[in-house]
Amino acid sequence: MNKGKLTLALLSMVSLLTLASCGDPLEENTDGYVMTITSPSGSTIHYTTDDLFSQYKGNATGVAKFYEAVVEVVIRNEMNQPENAGQLADIMDQADNRVDGVKETAQSNADANKSKYKDELEALFQSYNVADEAELKDYFAYDLMKTKVQDNFYDDNKQEMLLGSTDYDGYLDTKLPYHVRHILVKVSDSSTDIYDGAITEQEARNVSSVIKRLAIRQNDETFGDIAREASEDEGSAANFGDLGIMSKSTGYVNEFKLGVYAYDALYNQNLGVVENADKLAVPADAATFLNNLGLGEIPYQAALKLEETADITKDVNGDKVNNGDSKYYPRNIYFNKFFNKHNVSIITPTNTDGSANLAYEAMTGFQAVAELGGQKALVDEDGKVILAVRAGTGSGTSGYQGLHFIVVERSALVETSTSGVTLEDYYTTEIPGTSTFPKDISDKELITYVNFMKTTTKIYKERSETITNEIKGFDSMLQARIFEKLSAAQGVTFVDADLEAAITNYIDVQRTSNAFSEQLNYEENWDTFIRYLEYQEWQRGRLIAETCAENFQNADLALEYQAGGVCYVK
């Protein structure tokens, strides 16, 4: 398609600020001056467009203004292509409607303030930094053009934005999307209470109940069934525990997001995951610490102990133990030792002393897991490992504290699943029932993010839109990418080579700066997480011995609770 050739010549600073708008061209006198000024000494100084231009192209602020102006030229030129005539007409209609909306607002303000409509309209013009109605319409029109060009670019380059190319890192490799589900069980202890956290009787029962249901799976109930009934994250519970897409940009707490990353990068032995683990870029010091710490293990018997001791706060004689110090309540001893851990763990079919328990191993929810070297662990109905982590943020109604039971529905490191679904297909934006929806060789629809749960077409469309928005929004330098591609298509050339070099350098610097900031933030999150885990491990050296829970009800006779005993408090 021939887009013509657009030449960007030397422009003055003033003309750049109104470039491609409806303003009139600058006027010059016969000597080529566009501006004169009287100096403090009284002499007259003349400025040409070149003089003004040169003052701005040599500094970052000026180049940024030039860049934005040139982008505007390219976008307006794109929307004026014959094939976009229908879209442009629609844009101008929408711009008219927005102008009418501003005028209605002005009238409403005038009525409310007992003021003049003209004054209110003028105030609104000023808020948009325009002089009149025509400029306001042009302002809205350009805003709509930018959105339309971006939408068109996505439609034309969807594959590249998803997968990348030789000179472009796409969404999948840049953001590493994970599809995750969870069950949240809230607890009332603080995140700073590592060895001495206190939970209520009901909270102990809630934790135990969820783990027991996941292990027993009575009547073939699924992870989603349990999440819907038991999860205290109401939003995801309504969707059977589905949290949607977790990417490197998702603001989840470190224990959750980095815990999942740590599991895949350091503990998961799946060959496909191991091959791609470097994509997560876990800092070397974090990897060393977490490898030394190891994957946490929560024995199934600990969940049963929570339930058995949930209501025990006094000894068999009805007397307080250690002056009623709640740290010594059996449920809190078991909670702190086995559940109050902010590093990622699995749940194993073992006793609290680590020994095997054949009865637990025979339960439906426990399976030998290949990615854990054949170790038995709690899994969902599809054999996916259930990860557990203690996490939270804030306090009271402004936050939460609790335990997350997490299933990674699809890891970003698994390029092709065992069922043959590639990442590209998994994050399709197509809708089930259409001819373009991914299918296997027998023409059966694949299971993707869109349809991993059987639901309505409306929900499928919403999930498709989620992926579309993820891909559209992942690149902080998308405007520059669009500019580069459209410039090439439109045959843009610069008369001033220095300006061209400055704009190219400006784009490169912005890309590098953004990438550096994102990487720095990522590494700082890891650093914060590891420092917290170091503090946790130091605090866990003060854990109350499990024997104190076992002998709590007989504290008046047990040696452990006598003077000099491990459970004795003066």
Protein backbone atom coordinates (compact mmCIF):
# COMPACT_ATOMS: atom_id res chain seq x y z
CA MET A 1 0.00 0.00 0.00
CA ASN A 2 1.51 3.33 -1.05
CA LYS A 3 1.28 5.76 1.83
CA GLY A 4 3.21 8.53 0.11
CA LYS A 5 6.31 10.28 1.38
CA LEU A 6 6.18 12.65 4.34
CA THR A 7 9.11 15.05 4.69
CA LEU A 8 9.71 16.75 8.03
CA ALA A 9 11.68 19.93 7.41
CA LEU A 10 13.12 22.38 9.91
CA LEU A 11 10.26 23.77 11.96
CA SER A 12 10.24 26.51 14.56
CA MET A 13 9.54 25.85 18.19
CA VAL A 14 6.23 27.69 17.89
CA SER A 15 5.09 25.80 14.83
CA LEU A 16 5.96 22.50 16.49
CA LEU A 17 3.65 23.26 19.38
CA THR A 18 0.76 23.54 16.95
CA LEU A 19 2.06 21.11 14.34
CA ALA A 20 -0.58 19.51 12.14
CA SER A 21 -3.36 21.38 13.91
CA CYS A 22 -5.61 23.94 12.33
CA GLY A 23 -3.28 26.90 13.03
CA ASP A 24 -2.00 29.20 10.29
CA PRO A 25 1.64 28.95 9.10
CA LEU A 26 4.20 31.31 10.63
CA GLU A 27 4.78 34.64 8.95
CA GLU A 28 8.32 35.82 8.17
CA ASN A 29 9.53 39.25 7.13
CA THR A 30 11.60 39.77 4.00
CA ASP A 31 14.75 38.97 5.95
CA GLY A 32 13.35 35.64 7.17
CA TYR A 33 12.77 36.73 10.77
CA VAL A 34 9.80 35.41 12.73
CA MET A 35 10.59 37.20 16.00
CA THR A 36 12.51 40.22 17.29
CA ILE A 37 13.33 41.19 20.85
CA THR A 38 15.06 44.14 22.53
CA SER A 39 18.04 43.15 24.68
CA PRO A 40 18.81 44.75 28.08
CA SER A 41 21.40 46.96 26.33
CA GLY A 42 18.73 48.25 23.97
CA SER A 43 19.87 46.44 20.84
CA THR A 44 17.44 44.50 18.64
CA ILE A 45 17.87 40.75 18.29
CA HIS A 46 16.28 38.88 15.39
CA TYR A 47 15.29 35.21 15.35
CA THR A 48 14.67 32.99 12.38
CA THR A 49 12.89 29.64 12.56
CA ASP A 50 16.32 28.00 12.42
CA ASP A 51 17.47 30.00 15.45
CA LEU A 52 14.47 28.94 17.49
CA PHE A 53 14.68 25.38 16.25
CA SER A 54 18.36 25.00 17.17
CA GLN A 55 17.73 26.02 20.77
CA TYR A 56 15.40 23.07 21.26
CA LYS A 57 16.93 20.20 19.31
CA GLY A 58 20.05 20.14 21.45
CA ASN A 59 18.47 19.24 24.80
CA ALA A 60 16.34 16.37 26.06
CA THR A 61 13.29 18.48 26.86
CA GLY A 62 13.31 20.07 23.45
CA VAL A 63 13.83 16.76 21.65
CA ALA A 64 10.92 15.30 23.60
CA LYS A 65 8.70 18.10 22.30
CA PHE A 66 9.91 17.52 18.76
CA TYR A 67 9.29 13.80 19.12
CA GLU A 68 5.72 14.28 20.32
CA ALA A 69 5.08 16.74 17.50
CA VAL A 70 6.49 14.40 14.86
CA VAL A 71 4.43 11.51 16.27
CA GLU A 72 1.36 13.71 15.89
CA VAL A 73 2.20 14.38 12.25
CA VAL A 74 2.59 10.67 11.55
CA ILE A 75 -0.63 9.71 13.37
CA ARG A 76 -2.68 12.38 11.62
CA ASN A 77 -1.17 11.38 8.30
CA GLU A 78 -2.08 7.76 8.99
CA MET A 79 -5.69 8.59 9.76
CA ASN A 80 -5.92 10.67 6.55
CA GLN A 81 -5.06 7.67 4.38
CA PRO A 82 -7.95 6.85 1.99
CA GLU A 83 -8.50 3.40 3.52
CA ASN A 84 -9.11 5.05 6.91
CA ALA A 85 -11.70 7.55 5.67
CA GLY A 86 -14.58 5.77 7.39
CA GLN A 87 -12.74 5.62 10.70
CA LEU A 88 -11.79 9.29 10.44
CA ALA A 89 -15.39 10.32 9.78
CA ASP A 90 -16.47 8.39 12.86
CA ILE A 91 -13.73 10.05 14.89
CA MET A 92 -14.86 13.51 13.85
CA ASP A 93 -18.43 12.65 14.84
CA GLN A 94 -17.22 11.47 18.24
CA ALA A 95 -15.17 14.65 18.62
CA ASP A 96 -18.31 16.71 17.91
CA ASN A 97 -20.14 14.73 20.58
CA ARG A 98 -17.38 15.39 23.10
CA VAL A 99 -17.48 19.10 22.32
CA ASP A 100 -21.23 19.05 22.88
CA GLY A 101 -20.59 17.36 26.21
CA VAL A 102 -18.21 20.15 27.25
CA LYS A 103 -20.79 22.75 26.25
CA GLU A 104 -23.43 20.95 28.29
CA THR A 105 -21.05 20.92 31.25
CA ALA A 106 -20.50 24.66 30.84
CA GLN A 107 -24.25 25.26 30.87
CA SER A 108 -24.67 23.05 33.93
CA ASN A 109 -21.86 24.90 35.72
CA ALA A 110 -23.39 28.23 34.81
CA ASP A 111 -26.75 27.18 36.21
CA ALA A 112 -25.18 25.85 39.41
CA ASN A 113 -22.85 28.83 39.93
CA LYS A 114 -25.31 31.51 38.79
CA SER A 115 -22.66 32.60 36.31
CA LYS A 116 -22.45 33.30 32.61
CA TYR A 117 -22.35 30.38 30.19
CA LYS A 118 -19.64 32.12 28.18
CA ASP A 119 -17.38 32.43 31.23
CA GLU A 120 -17.85 28.80 32.19
CA LEU A 121 -17.15 27.66 28.63
CA GLU A 122 -14.01 29.79 28.54
CA ALA A 123 -12.85 28.21 31.80
CA LEU A 124 -13.31 24.76 30.30
CA PHE A 125 -11.40 25.79 27.16
CA GLN A 126 -8.53 26.84 29.42
CA SER A 127 -8.63 23.50 31.27
CA TYR A 128 -8.03 21.78 27.92
CA ASN A 129 -5.41 24.39 26.94
CA VAL A 130 -7.35 25.42 23.83
CA ALA A 131 -8.57 28.79 22.63
CA ASP A 132 -11.96 28.01 21.13
CA GLU A 133 -14.44 25.36 20.06
CA ALA A 134 -12.54 24.50 16.87
CA GLU A 135 -9.33 23.79 18.80
CA LEU A 136 -11.28 21.78 21.36
CA LYS A 137 -12.71 19.58 18.61
CA ASP A 138 -9.23 19.12 17.17
CA TYR A 139 -7.92 18.22 20.64
CA PHE A 140 -10.57 15.51 21.02
CA ALA A 141 -10.09 14.34 17.44
CA TYR A 142 -6.36 13.79 17.91
CA ASP A 143 -6.95 11.97 21.20
CA LEU A 144 -9.33 9.62 19.39
CA MET A 145 -6.90 9.24 16.49
CA LYS A 146 -4.17 8.04 18.85
CA THR A 147 -6.48 5.38 20.27
CA LYS A 148 -7.67 4.28 16.83
CA VAL A 149 -4.13 4.06 15.45
CA GLN A 150 -3.12 1.97 18.45
CA ASP A 151 -6.11 -0.34 17.95
CA ASN A 152 -5.33 -0.67 14.24
CA PHE A 153 -1.70 -1.37 15.03
CA TYR A 154 -2.69 -4.13 17.43
CA ASP A 155 -4.99 -5.70 14.84
CA ASP A 156 -2.21 -5.64 12.23
CA ASN A 157 0.61 -6.74 14.56
CA LYS A 158 -1.10 -8.94 17.14
CA GLN A 159 1.16 -11.91 16.46
CA GLU A 160 4.34 -9.90 16.83
CA MET A 161 3.10 -8.22 20.02
CA LEU A 162 2.31 -11.62 21.51
CA LEU A 163 5.34 -13.63 20.35
CA GLY A 164 7.92 -10.99 19.49
CA SER A 165 10.26 -10.96 16.52
CA THR A 166 13.97 -10.73 15.78
CA ASP A 167 14.07 -7.09 16.90
CA TYR A 168 11.16 -7.03 19.33
CA ASP A 169 10.43 -8.79 22.64
CA GLY A 170 6.77 -9.77 22.73
CA TYR A 171 4.31 -10.03 25.58
CA LEU A 172 4.96 -13.68 26.43
CA ASP A 173 8.71 -13.26 26.92
CA THR A 174 8.55 -9.78 28.43
CA LYS A 175 5.80 -10.21 30.99
CA LEU A 176 5.89 -14.01 31.52
CA PRO A 177 2.16 -14.48 32.19
CA TYR A 178 1.12 -17.13 34.69
CA HIS A 179 -2.48 -18.27 34.96
CA VAL A 180 -3.10 -18.84 38.67
CA ARG A 181 -5.89 -19.91 41.00
CA HIS A 182 -5.97 -19.81 44.77
CA ILE A 183 -7.88 -20.39 47.96
CA LEU A 184 -7.36 -17.75 50.65
CA VAL A 185 -7.90 -18.59 54.32
CA LYS A 186 -7.59 -15.47 56.44
CA VAL A 187 -5.89 -15.39 59.83
CA SER A 188 -5.70 -12.64 62.40
CA ASP A 189 -2.03 -12.70 63.35
CA SER A 190 0.35 -10.00 62.10
CA SER A 191 2.96 -10.54 59.40
CA THR A 192 5.59 -9.53 61.96
CA ASP A 193 4.60 -12.37 64.31
CA ILE A 194 6.84 -15.14 63.06
CA TYR A 195 7.33 -17.49 66.01
CA ASP A 196 4.52 -16.19 68.23
CA GLY A 197 1.58 -15.61 65.92
CA ALA A 198 -1.88 -16.20 67.35
CA ILE A 199 -4.92 -17.40 65.44
CA THR A 200 -8.49 -17.95 66.58
CA GLU A 201 -10.22 -21.26 67.09
CA GLN A 202 -12.30 -20.71 63.94
CA GLU A 203 -9.25 -19.79 61.87
CA ALA A 204 -7.53 -23.00 62.95
CA ARG A 205 -10.59 -24.97 61.89
CA ASN A 206 -10.79 -23.12 58.57
CA VAL A 207 -7.18 -23.92 57.66
CA SER A 208 -7.59 -27.54 58.64
CA SER A 209 -10.89 -27.87 56.79
CA VAL A 210 -9.52 -26.61 53.47
CA ILE A 211 -6.52 -28.93 53.57
CA LYS A 212 -8.64 -31.92 54.56
CA ARG A 213 -11.10 -31.25 51.75
CA LEU A 214 -8.28 -30.93 49.23
CA ALA A 215 -6.84 -34.24 50.40
CA ILE A 216 -10.07 -36.23 50.70
CA ARG A 217 -11.92 -34.79 47.69
CA GLN A 218 -15.19 -36.26 48.79
CA ASN A 219 -17.70 -36.70 45.97
CA ASP A 220 -14.98 -35.70 43.52
CA GLU A 221 -15.10 -32.05 44.53
CA THR A 222 -12.51 -29.97 42.70
CA PHE A 223 -10.11 -27.26 43.73
CA GLY A 224 -12.56 -24.80 42.21
CA ASP A 225 -15.50 -26.25 44.15
CA ILE A 226 -13.60 -25.82 47.41
CA ALA A 227 -12.44 -22.33 46.46
CA ARG A 228 -16.00 -21.28 45.68
CA GLU A 229 -17.20 -22.39 49.12
CA ALA A 230 -14.21 -21.79 51.37
CA SER A 231 -11.97 -19.07 49.93
CA GLU A 232 -12.15 -15.75 51.74
CA ASP A 233 -11.14 -13.83 48.63
CA GLU A 234 -14.69 -13.14 47.50
CA GLY A 235 -13.77 -11.96 44.01
CA SER A 236 -11.85 -15.05 42.98
CA ALA A 237 -14.06 -17.40 45.00
CA ALA A 238 -16.98 -16.52 42.73
CA ASN A 239 -14.81 -17.69 39.83
CA PHE A 240 -13.79 -20.99 41.44
CA GLY A 241 -10.55 -19.49 42.74
CA ASP A 242 -9.45 -18.05 39.41
CA LEU A 243 -7.18 -15.01 39.78
CA GLY A 244 -6.58 -14.64 36.07
CA ILE A 245 -3.21 -13.63 34.67
CA MET A 246 -0.27 -12.88 36.94
CA SER A 247 2.58 -11.24 35.03
CA LYS A 248 5.80 -9.53 36.06
CA SER A 249 3.78 -6.30 36.22
CA THR A 250 1.07 -7.67 38.51
CA GLY A 251 1.21 -6.14 41.97
CA TYR A 252 0.78 -9.28 44.05
CA VAL A 253 2.51 -9.62 47.41
CA ASN A 254 6.06 -10.96 47.18
CA GLU A 255 5.25 -14.20 48.97
CA PHE A 256 2.66 -15.07 46.33
CA LYS A 257 4.27 -13.94 43.10
CA LEU A 258 7.92 -14.49 43.94
CA GLY A 259 6.97 -17.69 45.75
CA VAL A 260 5.51 -19.05 42.50
CA TYR A 261 8.59 -17.85 40.61
CA ALA A 262 10.89 -19.48 43.17
CA TYR A 263 9.04 -22.78 42.87
CA ASP A 264 9.39 -22.82 39.08
CA ALA A 265 12.92 -21.45 38.88
CA LEU A 266 14.49 -23.43 41.71
CA TYR A 267 12.43 -26.44 42.76
CA ASN A 268 10.35 -27.55 39.77
CA GLN A 269 12.16 -30.38 37.97
CA ASN A 270 9.96 -30.40 34.87
CA LEU A 271 12.44 -30.40 31.97
CA GLY A 272 10.59 -27.70 30.04
CA VAL A 273 10.50 -25.47 33.11
CA VAL A 274 14.18 -26.06 33.90
CA GLU A 275 15.10 -25.19 30.31
CA ASN A 276 13.36 -21.82 30.57
CA ALA A 277 14.00 -21.00 34.25
CA ASP A 278 16.49 -18.27 33.35
CA LYS A 279 13.61 -16.22 31.92
CA LEU A 280 12.54 -15.45 35.48
CA ALA A 281 15.93 -13.85 36.15
CA VAL A 282 15.98 -14.71 39.84
CA PRO A 283 18.93 -12.73 41.31
CA ALA A 284 21.90 -14.92 42.18
CA ASP A 285 21.89 -14.08 45.90
CA ALA A 286 18.15 -14.81 46.12
CA ALA A 287 18.61 -18.14 44.32
CA THR A 288 21.44 -19.13 46.66
CA PHE A 289 19.43 -18.30 49.77
CA LEU A 290 16.28 -20.06 48.57
CA ASN A 291 18.19 -23.13 47.43
CA ASN A 292 19.79 -23.37 50.87
CA LEU A 293 16.41 -22.83 52.52
CA GLY A 294 14.76 -25.44 50.32
CA LEU A 295 11.15 -25.98 49.38
CA GLY A 296 9.02 -25.86 52.50
CA GLU A 297 6.94 -28.88 53.52
CA ILE A 298 3.73 -28.86 55.55
CA PRO A 299 2.86 -32.31 56.96
CA TYR A 300 -0.77 -33.27 56.56
CA GLN A 301 -0.89 -34.34 60.20
CA ALA A 302 -0.27 -30.70 61.19
CA ALA A 303 -3.60 -29.75 59.60
CA LEU A 304 -5.32 -32.45 61.67
CA LYS A 305 -3.57 -31.24 64.82
CA LEU A 306 -4.91 -27.73 64.19
CA GLU A 307 -8.45 -29.06 64.26
CA GLU A 308 -7.88 -31.38 67.22
CA THR A 309 -6.49 -28.59 69.37
CA ALA A 310 -8.47 -25.63 68.00
CA ASP A 311 -10.45 -25.02 71.20
CA ILE A 312 -7.82 -25.98 73.80
CA THR A 313 -6.74 -22.99 75.91
CA LYS A 314 -6.50 -24.56 79.39
CA ASP A 315 -5.19 -27.78 80.90
CA VAL A 316 -7.39 -30.72 81.88
CA ASN A 317 -8.01 -29.13 85.27
CA GLY A 318 -9.37 -25.96 83.67
CA ASP A 319 -6.31 -23.98 84.74
CA LYS A 320 -4.36 -21.49 82.67
CA VAL A 321 -0.98 -22.62 81.40
CA ASN A 322 1.96 -20.21 81.64
CA ASN A 323 -0.38 -17.50 82.90
CA GLY A 324 -2.63 -17.89 79.86
CA ASP A 325 0.09 -16.92 77.36
CA SER A 326 -1.55 -17.64 73.96
CA LYS A 327 1.81 -18.53 72.42
CA TYR A 328 1.51 -21.84 74.23
CA TYR A 329 -1.97 -22.69 72.98
CA PRO A 330 -1.47 -25.92 71.00
CA ARG A 331 -3.15 -24.51 67.87
CA ASN A 332 -0.70 -21.59 67.83
CA ILE A 333 2.32 -23.84 68.35
CA TYR A 334 1.28 -25.99 65.38
CA PHE A 335 0.35 -22.94 63.31
CA ASN A 336 3.65 -21.15 63.87
CA LYS A 337 5.82 -24.20 63.31
CA PHE A 338 4.14 -25.56 60.19
CA PHE A 339 1.99 -22.87 58.57
CA ASN A 340 3.40 -19.47 59.54
CA LYS A 341 6.08 -19.57 56.83
CA HIS A 342 6.41 -16.93 54.14
CA ASN A 343 8.49 -19.09 51.81
CA VAL A 344 6.68 -21.35 49.38
CA SER A 345 5.77 -24.84 50.58
CA ILE A 346 4.06 -28.00 49.47
CA ILE A 347 1.78 -30.19 51.60
CA THR A 348 3.04 -33.73 52.15
CA PRO A 349 1.28 -36.94 53.34
CA THR A 350 3.47 -37.18 56.44
CA ASN A 351 3.34 -36.95 60.23
CA THR A 352 4.58 -33.85 62.02
CA ASP A 353 7.87 -35.58 62.76
CA GLY A 354 8.42 -36.11 59.03
CA SER A 355 7.73 -39.82 59.02
CA ALA A 356 5.64 -41.44 56.30
CA ASN A 357 1.97 -42.18 56.87
CA LEU A 358 0.49 -44.79 54.56
CA ALA A 359 -3.07 -43.75 55.36
CA TYR A 360 -2.38 -40.19 54.23
CA GLU A 361 -0.51 -41.36 51.15
CA ALA A 362 -3.56 -43.35 50.07
CA MET A 363 -5.80 -40.27 50.09
CA THR A 364 -7.06 -39.06 46.71
CA GLY A 365 -5.43 -35.65 46.91
CA PHE A 366 -1.88 -36.96 47.33
CA GLN A 367 0.03 -38.10 44.26
CA ALA A 368 3.62 -38.78 43.30
CA VAL A 369 4.66 -35.71 41.35
CA ALA A 370 7.18 -36.00 38.51
CA GLU A 371 8.25 -32.35 38.77
CA LEU A 372 9.21 -33.04 42.41
CA GLY A 373 11.25 -36.10 41.53
CA GLY A 374 8.42 -38.48 42.38
CA GLN A 375 7.77 -37.05 45.84
CA LYS A 376 4.17 -37.28 46.99
CA ALA A 377 2.41 -33.97 47.49
CA LEU A 378 -1.07 -32.50 47.60
CA VAL A 379 -2.36 -31.82 44.08
CA ASP A 380 -5.57 -30.65 42.46
CA GLU A 381 -7.88 -32.88 40.40
CA ASP A 382 -5.63 -32.45 37.35
CA GLY A 383 -2.45 -33.41 39.18
CA LYS A 384 -1.15 -29.83 39.53
CA VAL A 385 0.85 -29.21 42.69
CA ILE A 386 -0.89 -27.09 45.33
CA LEU A 387 1.55 -24.54 46.69
CA ALA A 388 1.06 -22.98 50.12
CA VAL A 389 2.38 -19.72 51.48
CA ARG A 390 1.66 -17.41 54.39
CA ALA A 391 1.22 -13.86 53.11
CA GLY A 392 -0.63 -10.62 53.55
CA THR A 393 -0.57 -6.88 53.28
CA GLY A 394 -1.82 -4.07 55.47
CA SER A 395 -4.18 -4.76 58.33
CA GLY A 396 -7.87 -4.67 59.20
CA THR A 397 -10.25 -3.71 56.43
CA SER A 398 -7.42 -2.07 54.45
CA GLY A 399 -5.57 -5.34 53.92
CA TYR A 400 -5.51 -9.02 54.79
CA GLN A 401 -3.39 -11.71 56.41
CA GLY A 402 -3.79 -15.33 55.53
CA LEU A 403 -2.68 -18.52 53.87
CA HIS A 404 -2.79 -18.93 50.11
CA PHE A 405 -3.24 -22.35 48.55
CA ILE A 406 -2.12 -21.82 44.96
CA VAL A 407 -2.46 -23.76 41.73
CA VAL A 408 -0.49 -22.67 38.67
CA GLU A 409 -2.97 -23.41 35.91
CA ARG A 410 -0.36 -22.53 33.29
CA SER A 411 3.27 -21.60 33.84
CA ALA A 412 4.91 -19.03 31.59
CA LEU A 413 7.89 -21.37 31.32
CA VAL A 414 5.94 -24.28 29.81
CA GLU A 415 6.05 -23.57 26.09
CA THR A 416 3.90 -26.60 25.23
CA SER A 417 1.78 -28.43 27.80
CA THR A 418 1.45 -32.19 28.04
CA SER A 419 -1.91 -31.84 26.26
CA GLY A 420 -0.17 -30.15 23.33
CA VAL A 421 -1.38 -26.59 23.93
CA THR A 422 1.28 -23.99 23.16
CA LEU A 423 1.55 -20.70 25.05
CA GLU A 424 0.50 -18.94 21.85
CA ASP A 425 -2.70 -20.99 21.73
CA TYR A 426 -3.26 -20.84 25.47
CA TYR A 427 -3.41 -17.05 25.35
CA THR A 428 -5.56 -16.88 22.25
CA THR A 429 -8.03 -14.00 22.03
CA GLU A 430 -10.45 -16.02 19.91
CA ILE A 431 -13.83 -17.17 21.23
CA PRO A 432 -14.91 -20.84 21.53
CA GLY A 433 -17.33 -21.88 18.82
CA THR A 434 -15.66 -19.78 16.12
CA SER A 435 -13.71 -21.16 13.19
CA THR A 436 -10.53 -19.43 14.37
CA PHE A 437 -10.47 -20.87 17.89
CA PRO A 438 -7.44 -23.18 18.37
CA LYS A 439 -8.17 -26.86 17.78
CA ASP A 440 -6.22 -30.10 17.85
CA ILE A 441 -5.66 -32.39 14.88
CA SER A 442 -9.04 -34.02 15.46
CA ASP A 443 -10.72 -30.60 15.25
CA LYS A 444 -11.49 -30.56 18.98
CA GLU A 445 -11.24 -27.19 20.70
CA LEU A 446 -8.17 -26.83 22.90
CA ILE A 447 -8.34 -25.79 26.54
CA THR A 448 -7.07 -22.22 26.79
CA TYR A 449 -7.18 -19.33 29.22
CA VAL A 450 -10.46 -18.26 27.64
CA ASN A 451 -12.30 -21.56 28.10
CA PHE A 452 -10.44 -23.40 30.87
CA MET A 453 -13.78 -23.24 32.68
CA LYS A 454 -16.94 -24.05 30.76
CA THR A 455 -19.13 -20.97 30.99
CA THR A 456 -21.13 -18.50 28.90
CA THR A 457 -20.13 -16.75 25.70
CA LYS A 458 -20.30 -13.47 27.60
CA ILE A 459 -17.62 -14.66 30.05
CA TYR A 460 -15.52 -16.05 27.19
CA LYS A 461 -15.60 -12.60 25.58
CA GLU A 462 -14.60 -10.97 28.86
CA ARG A 463 -11.65 -13.33 29.26
CA SER A 464 -10.64 -12.73 25.65
CA GLU A 465 -10.75 -9.00 26.33
CA THR A 466 -8.52 -9.50 29.37
CA ILE A 467 -5.82 -11.05 27.19
CA THR A 468 -6.26 -8.37 24.52
CA ASN A 469 -5.76 -5.63 27.09
CA GLU A 470 -2.73 -7.42 28.55
CA ILE A 471 -1.06 -7.58 25.14
CA LYS A 472 -2.04 -4.03 24.16
CA GLY A 473 -0.76 -2.57 27.41
CA PHE A 474 2.43 -4.50 28.08
CA ASP A 475 4.82 -2.29 26.07
CA SER A 476 5.54 1.02 27.78
CA MET A 477 7.15 2.18 24.52
CA LEU A 478 4.31 1.13 22.25
CA GLN A 479 3.91 4.65 20.89
CA ALA A 480 7.53 4.57 19.74
CA ARG A 481 7.03 1.16 18.12
CA ILE A 482 4.00 2.47 16.25
CA PHE A 483 5.90 5.59 15.22
CA GLU A 484 8.81 3.54 13.88
CA LYS A 485 6.60 1.23 11.83
CA LEU A 486 4.35 3.99 10.50
CA SER A 487 7.32 6.18 9.69
CA ALA A 488 8.77 3.40 7.58
CA ALA A 489 5.42 2.80 5.86
CA GLN A 490 4.88 6.51 5.20
CA GLY A 491 8.42 7.10 3.95
CA VAL A 492 9.22 9.72 6.59
CA THR A 493 12.51 11.56 6.00
CA PHE A 494 14.20 14.35 7.97
CA VAL A 495 15.90 17.33 6.36
CA ASP A 496 17.94 17.83 9.54
CA ALA A 497 20.12 14.77 10.21
CA ASP A 498 20.91 15.98 13.72
CA LEU A 499 17.22 16.10 14.58
CA GLU A 500 16.70 12.59 13.22
CA ALA A 501 19.63 11.31 15.28
CA ALA A 502 18.36 13.12 18.37
CA ILE A 503 14.88 11.62 18.08
CA THR A 504 16.28 8.13 17.47
CA ASN A 505 18.54 8.53 20.49
CA TYR A 506 15.65 9.85 22.57
CA ILE A 507 13.59 6.73 21.82
CA ASP A 508 16.54 4.44 22.58
CA VAL A 509 17.24 6.20 25.88
CA GLN A 510 13.59 6.00 26.92
CA ARG A 511 13.47 2.29 26.10
CA THR A 512 16.64 1.63 28.06
CA SER A 513 15.48 3.74 30.97
CA ASN A 514 12.10 2.02 31.18
CA ALA A 515 13.66 -1.42 30.98
CA PHE A 516 16.21 -0.49 33.64
CA SER A 517 13.50 0.85 35.98
CA GLU A 518 11.39 -2.29 35.57
CA GLN A 519 14.38 -4.56 36.20
CA LEU A 520 15.49 -2.49 39.19
CA ASN A 521 12.01 -2.68 40.72
CA TYR A 522 11.95 -6.43 40.12
CA GLU A 523 15.32 -6.91 41.80
CA GLU A 524 14.35 -4.66 44.71
CA ASN A 525 11.25 -6.80 45.28
CA TRP A 526 13.44 -9.89 45.43
CA ASP A 527 15.81 -8.14 47.82
CA THR A 528 12.93 -7.13 50.10
CA PHE A 529 11.53 -10.67 49.98
CA ILE A 530 14.85 -12.32 50.83
CA ARG A 531 15.58 -9.88 53.68
CA TYR A 532 12.18 -10.74 55.12
CA LEU A 533 12.84 -14.47 54.82
CA GLU A 534 16.21 -14.02 56.53
CA TYR A 535 14.40 -12.31 59.39
CA GLN A 536 11.85 -15.12 59.41
CA GLU A 537 14.52 -17.79 59.72
CA TRP A 538 16.19 -15.89 62.56
CA GLN A 539 12.85 -15.58 64.36
CA ARG A 540 11.96 -19.22 63.77
CA GLY A 541 14.90 -20.13 65.98
CA ARG A 542 12.61 -19.07 68.83
CA LEU A 543 9.73 -21.39 67.90
CA ILE A 544 8.05 -23.10 70.85
CA ALA A 545 8.75 -26.82 70.75
CA GLU A 546 5.99 -29.12 69.51
CA THR A 547 6.26 -31.09 72.74
CA CYS A 548 4.76 -28.08 74.51
CA ALA A 549 1.58 -28.58 72.48
CA GLU A 550 1.58 -32.32 73.11
CA ASN A 551 1.89 -31.86 76.90
CA PHE A 552 -0.18 -28.69 77.23
CA GLN A 553 -3.24 -30.26 78.84
CA ASN A 554 -1.08 -32.11 81.37
CA ALA A 555 1.09 -29.09 82.10
CA ASP A 556 0.69 -29.52 85.87
CA LEU A 557 2.49 -32.87 85.67
CA ALA A 558 4.59 -32.82 82.51
CA LEU A 559 8.31 -32.39 83.04
CA GLU A 560 8.48 -30.04 80.07
CA TYR A 561 6.37 -27.52 82.00
CA GLN A 562 8.29 -27.83 85.25
CA ALA A 563 11.12 -25.52 86.28
CA GLY A 564 13.98 -26.02 83.84
CA GLY A 565 11.71 -27.67 81.27
CA VAL A 566 11.58 -26.50 77.65
CA CYS A 567 8.02 -25.19 78.11
CA TYR A 568 8.49 -23.61 81.53
CA VAL A 569 7.79 -19.91 81.95
CA LYS A 570 8.63 -18.36 85.32
